[in-house]
PDB file of N, CA and C in Angstrom:
ATOM      1  N   UNK A   1     -34.397  77.695  74.503  1.00  0.00           N
ATOM      2  CA  UNK A   1     -33.092  77.198  74.155  1.00  0.00           C
ATOM      3  C   UNK A   1     -32.684  76.026  75.016  1.00  0.00           C
ATOM      4  N   UNK A   2     -31.551  75.496  74.706  1.00  0.00           N
ATOM      5  CA  UNK A   2     -31.000  74.350  75.427  1.00  0.00           C
ATOM      6  C   UNK A   2     -30.239  74.837  76.649  1.00  0.00           C
ATOM      7  N   UNK A   3     -30.465  74.194  77.783  1.00  0.00           N
ATOM      8  CA  UNK A   3     -29.717  74.516  78.990  1.00  0.00           C
ATOM      9  C   UNK A   3     -28.365  73.824  78.925  1.00  0.00           C
ATOM     10  N   UNK A   4     -27.300  74.585  79.178  1.00  0.00           N
ATOM     11  CA  UNK A   4     -25.967  74.009  79.103  1.00  0.00           C
ATOM     12  C   UNK A   4     -25.460  73.527  80.452  1.00  0.00           C
ATOM     13  N   UNK A   5     -26.261  73.651  81.499  1.00  0.00           N
ATOM     14  CA  UNK A   5     -25.867  73.126  82.802  1.00  0.00           C
ATOM     15  C   UNK A   5     -26.487  71.745  82.930  1.00  0.00           C
ATOM     16  N   UNK A   6     -25.668  70.732  83.017  1.00  0.00           N
ATOM     17  CA  UNK A   6     -26.194  69.373  83.015  1.00  0.00           C
ATOM     18  C   UNK A   6     -25.281  68.440  83.797  1.00  0.00           C
ATOM     19  N   UNK A   7     -25.778  67.248  84.112  1.00  0.00           N
ATOM     20  CA  UNK A   7     -24.926  66.264  84.779  1.00  0.00           C
ATOM     21  C   UNK A   7     -23.865  65.734  83.833  1.00  0.00           C
ATOM     22  N   UNK A   8     -22.864  65.156  84.416  1.00  0.00           N
ATOM     23  CA  UNK A   8     -21.775  64.560  83.640  1.00  0.00           C
ATOM     24  C   UNK A   8     -22.288  63.410  82.786  1.00  0.00           C
ATOM     25  N   UNK A   9     -21.566  63.139  81.700  1.00  0.00           N
ATOM     26  CA  UNK A   9     -21.907  62.008  80.840  1.00  0.00           C
ATOM     27  C   UNK A   9     -21.866  60.713  81.635  1.00  0.00           C
ATOM     28  N   UNK A  10     -20.942  60.630  82.573  1.00  0.00           N
ATOM     29  CA  UNK A  10     -20.768  59.390  83.328  1.00  0.00           C
ATOM     30  C   UNK A  10     -21.559  59.369  84.632  1.00  0.00           C
ATOM     31  N   UNK A  11     -22.483  60.298  84.813  1.00  0.00           N
ATOM     32  CA  UNK A  11     -23.327  60.326  85.999  1.00  0.00           C
ATOM     33  C   UNK A  11     -24.112  59.011  86.077  1.00  0.00           C
ATOM     34  N   UNK A  12     -23.915  58.226  87.146  1.00  0.00           N
ATOM     35  CA  UNK A  12     -24.569  56.917  87.225  1.00  0.00           C
ATOM     36  C   UNK A  12     -26.085  56.997  87.325  1.00  0.00           C
ATOM     37  N   UNK A  13     -26.633  58.146  87.724  1.00  0.00           N
ATOM     38  CA  UNK A  13     -28.083  58.269  87.829  1.00  0.00           C
ATOM     39  C   UNK A  13     -28.720  58.613  86.489  1.00  0.00           C
ATOM     40  N   UNK A  14     -27.923  58.946  85.493  1.00  0.00           N
ATOM     41  CA  UNK A  14     -28.438  59.290  84.171  1.00  0.00           C
ATOM     42  C   UNK A  14     -28.726  58.001  83.400  1.00  0.00           C
ATOM     43  N   UNK A  15     -29.986  57.794  83.044  1.00  0.00           N
ATOM     44  CA  UNK A  15     -30.337  56.559  82.343  1.00  0.00           C
ATOM     45  C   UNK A  15     -29.910  56.634  80.883  1.00  0.00           C
ATOM     46  N   UNK A  16     -29.786  55.481  80.279  1.00  0.00           N
ATOM     47  CA  UNK A  16     -29.413  55.408  78.876  1.00  0.00           C
ATOM     48  C   UNK A  16     -30.435  56.135  78.003  1.00  0.00           C
ATOM     49  N   UNK A  17     -31.704  55.953  78.323  1.00  0.00           N
ATOM     50  CA  UNK A  17     -32.752  56.583  77.528  1.00  0.00           C
ATOM     51  C   UNK A  17     -32.683  58.105  77.646  1.00  0.00           C
ATOM     52  N   UNK A  18     -32.443  58.604  78.859  1.00  0.00           N
ATOM     53  CA  UNK A  18     -32.351  60.051  79.060  1.00  0.00           C
ATOM     54  C   UNK A  18     -31.149  60.619  78.321  1.00  0.00           C
ATOM     55  N   UNK A  19     -30.026  59.923  78.383  1.00  0.00           N
ATOM     56  CA  UNK A  19     -28.832  60.378  77.677  1.00  0.00           C
ATOM     57  C   UNK A  19     -29.062  60.344  76.170  1.00  0.00           C
ATOM     58  N   UNK A  20     -29.711  59.295  75.688  1.00  0.00           N
ATOM     59  CA  UNK A  20     -30.011  59.168  74.261  1.00  0.00           C
ATOM     60  C   UNK A  20     -30.879  60.335  73.794  1.00  0.00           C
ATOM     61  N   UNK A  21     -31.901  60.662  74.562  1.00  0.00           N
ATOM     62  CA  UNK A  21     -32.790  61.771  74.194  1.00  0.00           C
ATOM     63  C   UNK A  21     -32.049  63.099  74.230  1.00  0.00           C
ATOM     64  N   UNK A  22     -31.202  63.284  75.228  1.00  0.00           N
ATOM     65  CA  UNK A  22     -30.436  64.522  75.340  1.00  0.00           C
ATOM     66  C   UNK A  22     -29.510  64.699  74.150  1.00  0.00           C
ATOM     67  N   UNK A  23     -28.758  63.653  73.813  1.00  0.00           N
ATOM     68  CA  UNK A  23     -27.808  63.729  72.704  1.00  0.00           C
ATOM     69  C   UNK A  23     -28.529  63.944  71.382  1.00  0.00           C
ATOM     70  N   UNK A  24     -29.662  63.275  71.192  1.00  0.00           N
ATOM     71  CA  UNK A  24     -30.412  63.398  69.941  1.00  0.00           C
ATOM     72  C   UNK A  24     -30.958  64.816  69.750  1.00  0.00           C
ATOM     73  N   UNK A  25     -31.049  65.597  70.825  1.00  0.00           N
ATOM     74  CA  UNK A  25     -31.582  66.948  70.732  1.00  0.00           C
ATOM     75  C   UNK A  25     -30.602  67.987  70.221  1.00  0.00           C
ATOM     76  N   UNK A  26     -29.344  67.635  70.054  1.00  0.00           N
ATOM     77  CA  UNK A  26     -28.339  68.598  69.610  1.00  0.00           C
ATOM     78  C   UNK A  26     -28.223  68.609  68.096  1.00  0.00           C
ATOM     79  N   UNK A  27     -27.991  69.804  67.550  1.00  0.00           N
ATOM     80  CA  UNK A  27     -27.802  69.950  66.107  1.00  0.00           C
ATOM     81  C   UNK A  27     -26.333  70.047  65.735  1.00  0.00           C
ATOM     82  N   UNK A  28     -25.494  70.484  66.669  1.00  0.00           N
ATOM     83  CA  UNK A  28     -24.081  70.687  66.350  1.00  0.00           C
ATOM     84  C   UNK A  28     -23.195  70.092  67.438  1.00  0.00           C
ATOM     85  N   UNK A  29     -21.942  69.848  67.077  1.00  0.00           N
ATOM     86  CA  UNK A  29     -20.958  69.370  68.049  1.00  0.00           C
ATOM     87  C   UNK A  29     -20.744  70.435  69.118  1.00  0.00           C
ATOM     88  N   UNK A  30     -20.758  71.701  68.715  1.00  0.00           N
ATOM     89  CA  UNK A  30     -20.560  72.790  69.677  1.00  0.00           C
ATOM     90  C   UNK A  30     -21.622  72.751  70.777  1.00  0.00           C
ATOM     91  N   UNK A  31     -22.888  72.566  70.398  1.00  0.00           N
ATOM     92  CA  UNK A  31     -23.958  72.473  71.396  1.00  0.00           C
ATOM     93  C   UNK A  31     -23.732  71.286  72.332  1.00  0.00           C
ATOM     94  N   UNK A  32     -23.325  70.171  71.767  1.00  0.00           N
ATOM     95  CA  UNK A  32     -23.067  68.974  72.567  1.00  0.00           C
ATOM     96  C   UNK A  32     -21.961  69.227  73.585  1.00  0.00           C
ATOM     97  N   UNK A  33     -20.849  69.808  73.124  1.00  0.00           N
ATOM     98  CA  UNK A  33     -19.720  70.061  74.022  1.00  0.00           C
ATOM     99  C   UNK A  33     -20.078  71.087  75.092  1.00  0.00           C
ATOM    100  N   UNK A  34     -20.834  72.124  74.722  1.00  0.00           N
ATOM    101  CA  UNK A  34     -21.259  73.114  75.720  1.00  0.00           C
ATOM    102  C   UNK A  34     -22.116  72.461  76.799  1.00  0.00           C
ATOM    103  N   UNK A  35     -22.944  71.522  76.387  1.00  0.00           N
ATOM    104  CA  UNK A  35     -23.849  70.864  77.332  1.00  0.00           C
ATOM    105  C   UNK A  35     -23.095  69.967  78.314  1.00  0.00           C
ATOM    106  N   UNK A  36     -22.204  69.128  77.784  1.00  0.00           N
ATOM    107  CA  UNK A  36     -21.535  68.156  78.643  1.00  0.00           C
ATOM    108  C   UNK A  36     -20.253  68.670  79.286  1.00  0.00           C
ATOM    109  N   UNK A  37     -19.630  69.700  78.706  1.00  0.00           N
ATOM    110  CA  UNK A  37     -18.364  70.218  79.231  1.00  0.00           C
ATOM    111  C   UNK A  37     -18.376  71.745  79.247  1.00  0.00           C
ATOM    112  N   UNK A  38     -19.194  72.346  80.085  1.00  0.00           N
ATOM    113  CA  UNK A  38     -19.302  73.809  80.060  1.00  0.00           C
ATOM    114  C   UNK A  38     -17.992  74.535  80.355  1.00  0.00           C
ATOM    115  N   UNK A  39     -17.088  73.914  81.078  1.00  0.00           N
ATOM    116  CA  UNK A  39     -15.824  74.573  81.421  1.00  0.00           C
ATOM    117  C   UNK A  39     -14.753  74.411  80.354  1.00  0.00           C
ATOM    118  N   UNK A  40     -14.837  73.372  79.547  1.00  0.00           N
ATOM    119  CA  UNK A  40     -13.749  73.084  78.601  1.00  0.00           C
ATOM    120  C   UNK A  40     -14.203  72.990  77.153  1.00  0.00           C
ATOM    121  N   UNK A  41     -15.453  73.350  76.863  1.00  0.00           N
ATOM    122  CA  UNK A  41     -15.968  73.122  75.513  1.00  0.00           C
ATOM    123  C   UNK A  41     -15.178  73.879  74.446  1.00  0.00           C
ATOM    124  N   UNK A  42     -14.727  75.101  74.743  1.00  0.00           N
ATOM    125  CA  UNK A  42     -14.004  75.875  73.727  1.00  0.00           C
ATOM    126  C   UNK A  42     -12.667  75.212  73.389  1.00  0.00           C
ATOM    127  N   UNK A  43     -11.964  74.746  74.409  1.00  0.00           N
ATOM    128  CA  UNK A  43     -10.703  74.032  74.178  1.00  0.00           C
ATOM    129  C   UNK A  43     -10.951  72.757  73.375  1.00  0.00           C
ATOM    130  N   UNK A  44     -12.029  72.053  73.716  1.00  0.00           N
ATOM    131  CA  UNK A  44     -12.367  70.836  72.977  1.00  0.00           C
ATOM    132  C   UNK A  44     -12.655  71.148  71.510  1.00  0.00           C
ATOM    133  N   UNK A  45     -13.369  72.236  71.247  1.00  0.00           N
ATOM    134  CA  UNK A  45     -13.659  72.628  69.859  1.00  0.00           C
ATOM    135  C   UNK A  45     -12.375  72.982  69.120  1.00  0.00           C
ATOM    136  N   UNK A  46     -11.460  73.681  69.798  1.00  0.00           N
ATOM    137  CA  UNK A  46     -10.207  74.092  69.161  1.00  0.00           C
ATOM    138  C   UNK A  46      -9.360  72.893  68.753  1.00  0.00           C
ATOM    139  N   UNK A  47      -9.464  71.809  69.509  1.00  0.00           N
ATOM    140  CA  UNK A  47      -8.628  70.637  69.243  1.00  0.00           C
ATOM    141  C   UNK A  47      -9.366  69.517  68.516  1.00  0.00           C
ATOM    142  N   UNK A  48     -10.611  69.758  68.148  1.00  0.00           N
ATOM    143  CA  UNK A  48     -11.431  68.711  67.549  1.00  0.00           C
ATOM    144  C   UNK A  48     -10.876  68.202  66.229  1.00  0.00           C
ATOM    145  N   UNK A  49     -10.344  69.110  65.413  1.00  0.00           N
ATOM    146  CA  UNK A  49      -9.906  68.717  64.071  1.00  0.00           C
ATOM    147  C   UNK A  49      -8.394  68.695  63.912  1.00  0.00           C
ATOM    148  N   UNK A  50      -7.671  68.564  65.013  1.00  0.00           N
ATOM    149  CA  UNK A  50      -6.215  68.489  64.907  1.00  0.00           C
ATOM    150  C   UNK A  50      -5.812  67.127  64.367  1.00  0.00           C
ATOM    151  N   UNK A  51      -4.674  67.111  63.713  1.00  0.00           N
ATOM    152  CA  UNK A  51      -4.175  65.865  63.137  1.00  0.00           C
ATOM    153  C   UNK A  51      -3.767  64.900  64.245  1.00  0.00           C
ATOM    154  N   UNK A  52      -4.131  63.678  64.092  1.00  0.00           N
ATOM    155  CA  UNK A  52      -3.678  62.626  64.998  1.00  0.00           C
ATOM    156  C   UNK A  52      -3.655  61.324  64.212  1.00  0.00           C
ATOM    157  N   UNK A  53      -2.902  60.394  64.718  1.00  0.00           N
ATOM    158  CA  UNK A  53      -2.837  59.097  64.046  1.00  0.00           C
ATOM    159  C   UNK A  53      -4.192  58.414  64.155  1.00  0.00           C
ATOM    160  N   UNK A  54      -4.619  57.730  63.115  1.00  0.00           N
ATOM    161  CA  UNK A  54      -5.907  57.039  63.210  1.00  0.00           C
ATOM    162  C   UNK A  54      -5.841  55.923  64.246  1.00  0.00           C
ATOM    163  N   UNK A  55      -6.902  55.765  65.038  1.00  0.00           N
ATOM    164  CA  UNK A  55      -6.885  54.705  66.042  1.00  0.00           C
ATOM    165  C   UNK A  55      -6.900  53.337  65.371  1.00  0.00           C
ATOM    166  N   UNK A  56      -6.143  52.434  65.921  1.00  0.00           N
ATOM    167  CA  UNK A  56      -6.098  51.069  65.390  1.00  0.00           C
ATOM    168  C   UNK A  56      -6.431  50.099  66.518  1.00  0.00           C
ATOM    169  N   UNK A  57      -7.163  49.071  66.175  1.00  0.00           N
ATOM    170  CA  UNK A  57      -7.565  48.079  67.160  1.00  0.00           C
ATOM    171  C   UNK A  57      -6.444  47.134  67.520  1.00  0.00           C
ATOM    172  N   UNK A  58      -6.700  46.327  68.542  1.00  0.00           N
ATOM    173  CA  UNK A  58      -5.694  45.367  68.996  1.00  0.00           C
ATOM    174  C   UNK A  58      -5.277  44.408  67.896  1.00  0.00           C
ATOM    175  N   UNK A  59      -6.209  44.042  67.035  1.00  0.00           N
ATOM    176  CA  UNK A  59      -5.891  43.057  65.996  1.00  0.00           C
ATOM    177  C   UNK A  59      -4.822  43.573  65.044  1.00  0.00           C
ATOM    178  N   UNK A  60      -4.753  44.897  64.855  1.00  0.00           N
ATOM    179  CA  UNK A  60      -3.740  45.462  63.961  1.00  0.00           C
ATOM    180  C   UNK A  60      -2.341  45.232  64.521  1.00  0.00           C
ATOM    181  N   UNK A  61      -2.178  45.450  65.819  1.00  0.00           N
ATOM    182  CA  UNK A  61      -0.856  45.366  66.429  1.00  0.00           C
ATOM    183  C   UNK A  61      -0.427  43.940  66.737  1.00  0.00           C
ATOM    184  N   UNK A  62      -1.373  43.061  66.963  1.00  0.00           N
ATOM    185  CA  UNK A  62      -1.030  41.716  67.410  1.00  0.00           C
ATOM    186  C   UNK A  62      -1.071  40.670  66.308  1.00  0.00           C
ATOM    187  N   UNK A  63      -1.470  41.056  65.113  1.00  0.00           N
ATOM    188  CA  UNK A  63      -1.593  40.041  64.060  1.00  0.00           C
ATOM    189  C   UNK A  63      -0.217  39.563  63.603  1.00  0.00           C
ATOM    190  N   UNK A  64      -0.154  38.339  63.250  1.00  0.00           N
ATOM    191  CA  UNK A  64       1.099  37.771  62.737  1.00  0.00           C
ATOM    192  C   UNK A  64       0.936  37.572  61.232  1.00  0.00           C
ATOM    193  N   UNK A  65       0.470  36.407  60.819  1.00  0.00           N
ATOM    194  CA  UNK A  65       0.328  36.154  59.389  1.00  0.00           C
ATOM    195  C   UNK A  65      -1.118  36.258  58.923  1.00  0.00           C
ATOM    196  N   UNK A  66      -2.060  36.294  59.852  1.00  0.00           N
ATOM    197  CA  UNK A  66      -3.458  36.414  59.457  1.00  0.00           C
ATOM    198  C   UNK A  66      -4.216  37.229  60.495  1.00  0.00           C
ATOM    199  N   UNK A  67      -5.352  37.719  60.101  1.00  0.00           N
ATOM    200  CA  UNK A  67      -6.180  38.547  60.977  1.00  0.00           C
ATOM    201  C   UNK A  67      -7.099  37.645  61.795  1.00  0.00           C
ATOM    202  N   UNK A  68      -7.235  37.960  63.059  1.00  0.00           N
ATOM    203  CA  UNK A  68      -8.138  37.226  63.946  1.00  0.00           C
ATOM    204  C   UNK A  68      -9.544  37.794  63.760  1.00  0.00           C
ATOM    205  N   UNK A  69     -10.381  37.084  63.005  1.00  0.00           N
ATOM    206  CA  UNK A  69     -11.714  37.600  62.690  1.00  0.00           C
ATOM    207  C   UNK A  69     -12.595  37.727  63.926  1.00  0.00           C
ATOM    208  N   UNK A  70     -12.411  36.843  64.907  1.00  0.00           N
ATOM    209  CA  UNK A  70     -13.192  36.956  66.136  1.00  0.00           C
ATOM    210  C   UNK A  70     -12.868  38.259  66.861  1.00  0.00           C
ATOM    211  N   UNK A  71     -11.592  38.608  66.897  1.00  0.00           N
ATOM    212  CA  UNK A  71     -11.192  39.842  67.559  1.00  0.00           C
ATOM    213  C   UNK A  71     -11.726  41.055  66.790  1.00  0.00           C
ATOM    214  N   UNK A  72     -11.667  41.014  65.468  1.00  0.00           N
ATOM    215  CA  UNK A  72     -12.220  42.114  64.675  1.00  0.00           C
ATOM    216  C   UNK A  72     -13.709  42.271  64.942  1.00  0.00           C
ATOM    217  N   UNK A  73     -14.412  41.155  65.070  1.00  0.00           N
ATOM    218  CA  UNK A  73     -15.837  41.201  65.365  1.00  0.00           C
ATOM    219  C   UNK A  73     -16.078  41.845  66.727  1.00  0.00           C
ATOM    220  N   UNK A  74     -15.246  41.496  67.718  1.00  0.00           N
ATOM    221  CA  UNK A  74     -15.370  42.107  69.051  1.00  0.00           C
ATOM    222  C   UNK A  74     -15.155  43.612  68.980  1.00  0.00           C
ATOM    223  N   UNK A  75     -14.174  44.043  68.193  1.00  0.00           N
ATOM    224  CA  UNK A  75     -13.903  45.475  68.075  1.00  0.00           C
ATOM    225  C   UNK A  75     -15.036  46.190  67.352  1.00  0.00           C
ATOM    226  N   UNK A  76     -15.622  45.550  66.360  1.00  0.00           N
ATOM    227  CA  UNK A  76     -16.758  46.151  65.662  1.00  0.00           C
ATOM    228  C   UNK A  76     -17.916  46.351  66.629  1.00  0.00           C
ATOM    229  N   UNK A  77     -18.134  45.371  67.506  1.00  0.00           N
ATOM    230  CA  UNK A  77     -19.190  45.515  68.510  1.00  0.00           C
ATOM    231  C   UNK A  77     -18.868  46.653  69.479  1.00  0.00           C
ATOM    232  N   UNK A  78     -17.601  46.744  69.880  1.00  0.00           N
ATOM    233  CA  UNK A  78     -17.199  47.755  70.853  1.00  0.00           C
ATOM    234  C   UNK A  78     -17.403  49.169  70.312  1.00  0.00           C
ATOM    235  N   UNK A  79     -17.066  49.384  69.038  1.00  0.00           N
ATOM    236  CA  UNK A  79     -17.127  50.733  68.484  1.00  0.00           C
ATOM    237  C   UNK A  79     -18.401  51.006  67.696  1.00  0.00           C
ATOM    238  N   UNK A  80     -19.334  50.070  67.695  1.00  0.00           N
ATOM    239  CA  UNK A  80     -20.571  50.289  66.960  1.00  0.00           C
ATOM    240  C   UNK A  80     -21.486  51.212  67.750  1.00  0.00           C
ATOM    241  N   UNK A  81     -22.551  51.635  67.118  1.00  0.00           N
ATOM    242  CA  UNK A  81     -23.485  52.586  67.732  1.00  0.00           C
ATOM    243  C   UNK A  81     -24.480  51.839  68.605  1.00  0.00           C
ATOM    244  N   UNK A  82     -24.016  51.348  69.714  1.00  0.00           N
ATOM    245  CA  UNK A  82     -24.873  50.599  70.618  1.00  0.00           C
ATOM    246  C   UNK A  82     -24.978  51.336  71.937  1.00  0.00           C
ATOM    247  N   UNK A  83     -26.035  51.070  72.695  1.00  0.00           N
ATOM    248  CA  UNK A  83     -26.225  51.780  73.970  1.00  0.00           C
ATOM    249  C   UNK A  83     -25.044  51.676  74.912  1.00  0.00           C
ATOM    250  N   UNK A  84     -24.280  50.587  74.865  1.00  0.00           N
ATOM    251  CA  UNK A  84     -23.161  50.450  75.800  1.00  0.00           C
ATOM    252  C   UNK A  84     -22.120  51.552  75.595  1.00  0.00           C
ATOM    253  N   UNK A  85     -22.078  52.149  74.400  1.00  0.00           N
ATOM    254  CA  UNK A  85     -21.092  53.195  74.154  1.00  0.00           C
ATOM    255  C   UNK A  85     -21.473  54.535  74.782  1.00  0.00           C
ATOM    256  N   UNK A  86     -22.685  54.653  75.307  1.00  0.00           N
ATOM    257  CA  UNK A  86     -23.070  55.918  75.918  1.00  0.00           C
ATOM    258  C   UNK A  86     -22.363  56.153  77.244  1.00  0.00           C
ATOM    259  N   UNK A  87     -21.708  55.139  77.787  1.00  0.00           N
ATOM    260  CA  UNK A  87     -20.956  55.339  79.024  1.00  0.00           C
ATOM    261  C   UNK A  87     -19.578  55.936  78.747  1.00  0.00           C
ATOM    262  N   UNK A  88     -19.211  56.057  77.478  1.00  0.00           N
ATOM    263  CA  UNK A  88     -17.914  56.627  77.109  1.00  0.00           C
ATOM    264  C   UNK A  88     -17.904  58.113  77.425  1.00  0.00           C
ATOM    265  N   UNK A  89     -16.813  58.589  77.975  1.00  0.00           N
ATOM    266  CA  UNK A  89     -16.674  60.019  78.205  1.00  0.00           C
ATOM    267  C   UNK A  89     -16.393  60.662  76.850  1.00  0.00           C
ATOM    268  N   UNK A  90     -17.389  61.343  76.298  1.00  0.00           N
ATOM    269  CA  UNK A  90     -17.296  61.848  74.925  1.00  0.00           C
ATOM    270  C   UNK A  90     -16.157  62.835  74.761  1.00  0.00           C
ATOM    271  N   UNK A  91     -15.937  63.682  75.745  1.00  0.00           N
ATOM    272  CA  UNK A  91     -14.866  64.672  75.600  1.00  0.00           C
ATOM    273  C   UNK A  91     -13.515  63.991  75.432  1.00  0.00           C
ATOM    274  N   UNK A  92     -13.235  62.996  76.248  1.00  0.00           N
ATOM    275  CA  UNK A  92     -11.957  62.295  76.145  1.00  0.00           C
ATOM    276  C   UNK A  92     -11.835  61.567  74.814  1.00  0.00           C
ATOM    277  N   UNK A  93     -12.938  60.980  74.360  1.00  0.00           N
ATOM    278  CA  UNK A  93     -12.918  60.263  73.090  1.00  0.00           C
ATOM    279  C   UNK A  93     -12.636  61.228  71.933  1.00  0.00           C
ATOM    280  N   UNK A  94     -13.261  62.396  71.971  1.00  0.00           N
ATOM    281  CA  UNK A  94     -13.043  63.364  70.899  1.00  0.00           C
ATOM    282  C   UNK A  94     -11.636  63.946  70.951  1.00  0.00           C
ATOM    283  N   UNK A  95     -11.064  64.087  72.148  1.00  0.00           N
ATOM    284  CA  UNK A  95      -9.702  64.617  72.257  1.00  0.00           C
ATOM    285  C   UNK A  95      -8.674  63.636  71.702  1.00  0.00           C
ATOM    286  N   UNK A  96      -8.959  62.346  71.790  1.00  0.00           N
ATOM    287  CA  UNK A  96      -7.982  61.338  71.406  1.00  0.00           C
ATOM    288  C   UNK A  96      -8.097  60.899  69.956  1.00  0.00           C
ATOM    289  N   UNK A  97      -9.188  61.214  69.289  1.00  0.00           N
ATOM    290  CA  UNK A  97      -9.389  60.711  67.931  1.00  0.00           C
ATOM    291  C   UNK A  97      -9.917  61.802  67.024  1.00  0.00           C
ATOM    292  N   UNK A  98      -9.776  61.593  65.741  1.00  0.00           N
ATOM    293  CA  UNK A  98     -10.498  62.420  64.777  1.00  0.00           C
ATOM    294  C   UNK A  98     -11.862  61.764  64.627  1.00  0.00           C
ATOM    295  N   UNK A  99     -12.852  62.292  65.319  1.00  0.00           N
ATOM    296  CA  UNK A  99     -14.164  61.660  65.319  1.00  0.00           C
ATOM    297  C   UNK A  99     -15.212  62.642  64.833  1.00  0.00           C
ATOM    298  N   UNK A 100     -16.224  62.129  64.190  1.00  0.00           N
ATOM    299  CA  UNK A 100     -17.364  62.936  63.773  1.00  0.00           C
ATOM    300  C   UNK A 100     -18.526  62.488  64.630  1.00  0.00           C
ATOM    301  N   UNK A 101     -19.172  63.436  65.312  1.00  0.00           N
ATOM    302  CA  UNK A 101     -20.260  63.073  66.201  1.00  0.00           C
ATOM    303  C   UNK A 101     -21.596  63.342  65.540  1.00  0.00           C
ATOM    304  N   UNK A 102     -22.454  62.357  65.543  1.00  0.00           N
ATOM    305  CA  UNK A 102     -23.832  62.501  65.096  1.00  0.00           C
ATOM    306  C   UNK A 102     -24.712  62.083  66.264  1.00  0.00           C
ATOM    307  N   UNK A 103     -25.877  62.709  66.437  1.00  0.00           N
ATOM    308  CA  UNK A 103     -26.758  62.287  67.525  1.00  0.00           C
ATOM    309  C   UNK A 103     -26.996  60.784  67.461  1.00  0.00           C
ATOM    310  N   UNK A 104     -26.963  60.149  68.618  1.00  0.00           N
ATOM    311  CA  UNK A 104     -27.202  58.723  68.796  1.00  0.00           C
ATOM    312  C   UNK A 104     -26.040  57.857  68.324  1.00  0.00           C
ATOM    313  N   UNK A 105     -24.928  58.455  67.892  1.00  0.00           N
ATOM    314  CA  UNK A 105     -23.889  57.617  67.307  1.00  0.00           C
ATOM    315  C   UNK A 105     -22.540  58.322  67.348  1.00  0.00           C
ATOM    316  N   UNK A 106     -21.499  57.601  67.725  1.00  0.00           N
ATOM    317  CA  UNK A 106     -20.142  58.132  67.659  1.00  0.00           C
ATOM    318  C   UNK A 106     -19.375  57.328  66.632  1.00  0.00           C
ATOM    319  N   UNK A 107     -18.997  57.989  65.532  1.00  0.00           N
ATOM    320  CA  UNK A 107     -18.283  57.307  64.455  1.00  0.00           C
ATOM    321  C   UNK A 107     -16.807  57.599  64.591  1.00  0.00           C
ATOM    322  N   UNK A 108     -16.002  56.574  64.770  1.00  0.00           N
ATOM    323  CA  UNK A 108     -14.562  56.763  64.945  1.00  0.00           C
ATOM    324  C   UNK A 108     -13.843  56.262  63.719  1.00  0.00           C
TER     325      UNK A 108
END
Protein backbone atom coordinates (compact mmCIF):
# COMPACT_ATOMS: atom_id res chain seq x y z
CA UNK A 1 0.00 0.00 0.00
CA UNK A 2 0.83 3.66 -0.08
CA UNK A 3 2.62 5.16 2.90
CA UNK A 4 0.76 8.19 4.21
CA UNK A 5 3.73 9.59 6.14
CA UNK A 6 5.52 11.94 3.78
CA UNK A 7 7.28 15.29 3.52
CA UNK A 8 5.31 18.45 3.01
CA UNK A 9 4.34 19.53 -0.49
CA UNK A 10 6.51 22.60 -0.03
CA UNK A 11 9.54 20.68 1.26
CA UNK A 12 12.45 22.35 -0.59
CA UNK A 13 14.37 19.06 -0.80
CA UNK A 14 11.53 17.39 -2.72
CA UNK A 15 12.33 17.53 -6.42
CA UNK A 16 9.73 18.28 -9.04
CA UNK A 17 10.20 14.85 -10.58
CA UNK A 18 9.75 13.09 -7.23
CA UNK A 19 6.62 15.09 -6.47
CA UNK A 20 5.27 14.40 -9.97
CA UNK A 21 5.80 10.65 -9.53
CA UNK A 22 4.24 10.69 -6.08
CA UNK A 23 1.13 12.57 -7.22
CA UNK A 24 0.74 10.40 -10.33
CA UNK A 25 0.61 7.33 -8.06
CA UNK A 26 -2.69 8.29 -6.42
CA UNK A 27 -6.06 7.07 -7.66
CA UNK A 28 -8.29 9.26 -5.49
CA UNK A 29 -8.32 12.70 -3.90
CA UNK A 30 -8.69 10.99 -0.52
CA UNK A 31 -5.38 9.13 -1.00
CA UNK A 32 -3.69 12.36 -2.05
CA UNK A 33 -4.96 14.29 0.98
CA UNK A 34 -4.03 11.47 3.37
CA UNK A 35 -0.51 11.47 1.95
CA UNK A 36 0.16 15.20 2.07
CA UNK A 37 -2.01 16.18 5.07
CA UNK A 38 -2.26 13.25 7.48
CA UNK A 39 -3.55 15.47 10.30
CA UNK A 40 -6.20 17.39 8.37
CA UNK A 41 -7.19 15.18 5.44
CA UNK A 42 -10.67 14.36 6.80
CA UNK A 43 -11.51 18.04 7.31
CA UNK A 44 -10.20 18.78 3.82
CA UNK A 45 -12.42 16.03 2.36
CA UNK A 46 -15.46 17.36 4.25
CA UNK A 47 -14.97 20.83 2.79
CA UNK A 48 -13.86 19.81 -0.70
CA UNK A 49 -17.25 20.20 -2.35
CA UNK A 50 -18.66 23.14 -0.41
CA UNK A 51 -20.10 26.01 -2.38
CA UNK A 52 -17.78 28.92 -2.98
CA UNK A 53 -17.59 31.72 -5.48
CA UNK A 54 -15.65 30.76 -8.59
CA UNK A 55 -12.14 32.21 -8.60
CA UNK A 56 -11.66 35.10 -10.98
CA UNK A 57 -8.39 36.43 -12.30
CA UNK A 58 -7.07 39.95 -12.02
CA UNK A 59 -8.25 40.78 -15.53
CA UNK A 60 -11.88 40.28 -14.47
CA UNK A 61 -11.69 42.88 -11.71
CA UNK A 62 -9.47 45.41 -13.42
CA UNK A 63 -10.94 45.49 -16.91
CA UNK A 64 -12.56 48.67 -18.10
CA UNK A 65 -13.93 48.55 -21.63
CA UNK A 66 -11.82 45.71 -23.00
CA UNK A 67 -9.99 42.63 -21.79
CA UNK A 68 -6.21 42.72 -21.47
CA UNK A 69 -5.23 39.68 -23.55
CA UNK A 70 -1.64 39.75 -22.29
CA UNK A 71 -2.86 39.50 -18.72
CA UNK A 72 -5.24 36.66 -19.62
CA UNK A 73 -2.33 34.85 -21.23
CA UNK A 74 -0.27 35.30 -18.04
CA UNK A 75 -3.11 33.87 -15.96
CA UNK A 76 -3.50 30.91 -18.31
CA UNK A 77 0.20 30.18 -17.84
CA UNK A 78 -0.10 30.54 -14.07
CA UNK A 79 -3.00 28.11 -13.73
CA UNK A 80 -1.98 25.66 -16.44
CA UNK A 81 -0.64 22.19 -15.70
CA UNK A 82 3.01 23.12 -15.62
CA UNK A 83 5.76 22.02 -13.23
CA UNK A 84 5.85 25.46 -11.59
CA UNK A 85 2.42 24.75 -10.09
CA UNK A 86 3.78 21.85 -8.04
CA UNK A 87 5.05 24.36 -5.48
CA UNK A 88 1.43 25.27 -4.67
CA UNK A 89 0.21 24.07 -1.31
CA UNK A 90 -2.52 21.74 -2.58
CA UNK A 91 -4.50 21.69 0.65
CA UNK A 92 -4.84 25.47 0.72
CA UNK A 93 -5.73 25.56 -2.97
CA UNK A 94 -8.45 22.94 -2.52
CA UNK A 95 -9.85 24.73 0.55
CA UNK A 96 -10.18 28.00 -1.36
CA UNK A 97 -11.66 26.74 -4.62
CA UNK A 98 -13.98 24.18 -6.09
CA UNK A 99 -11.20 22.19 -7.73
CA UNK A 100 -10.99 18.76 -9.27
CA UNK A 101 -7.64 17.09 -8.79
CA UNK A 102 -6.18 14.72 -11.35
CA UNK A 103 -2.67 13.27 -11.10
CA UNK A 104 -0.12 15.61 -12.69
CA UNK A 105 -2.66 18.42 -12.99
CA UNK A 106 -4.74 20.80 -10.88
CA UNK A 107 -7.81 22.04 -12.74
CA UNK A 108 -9.36 25.15 -11.21
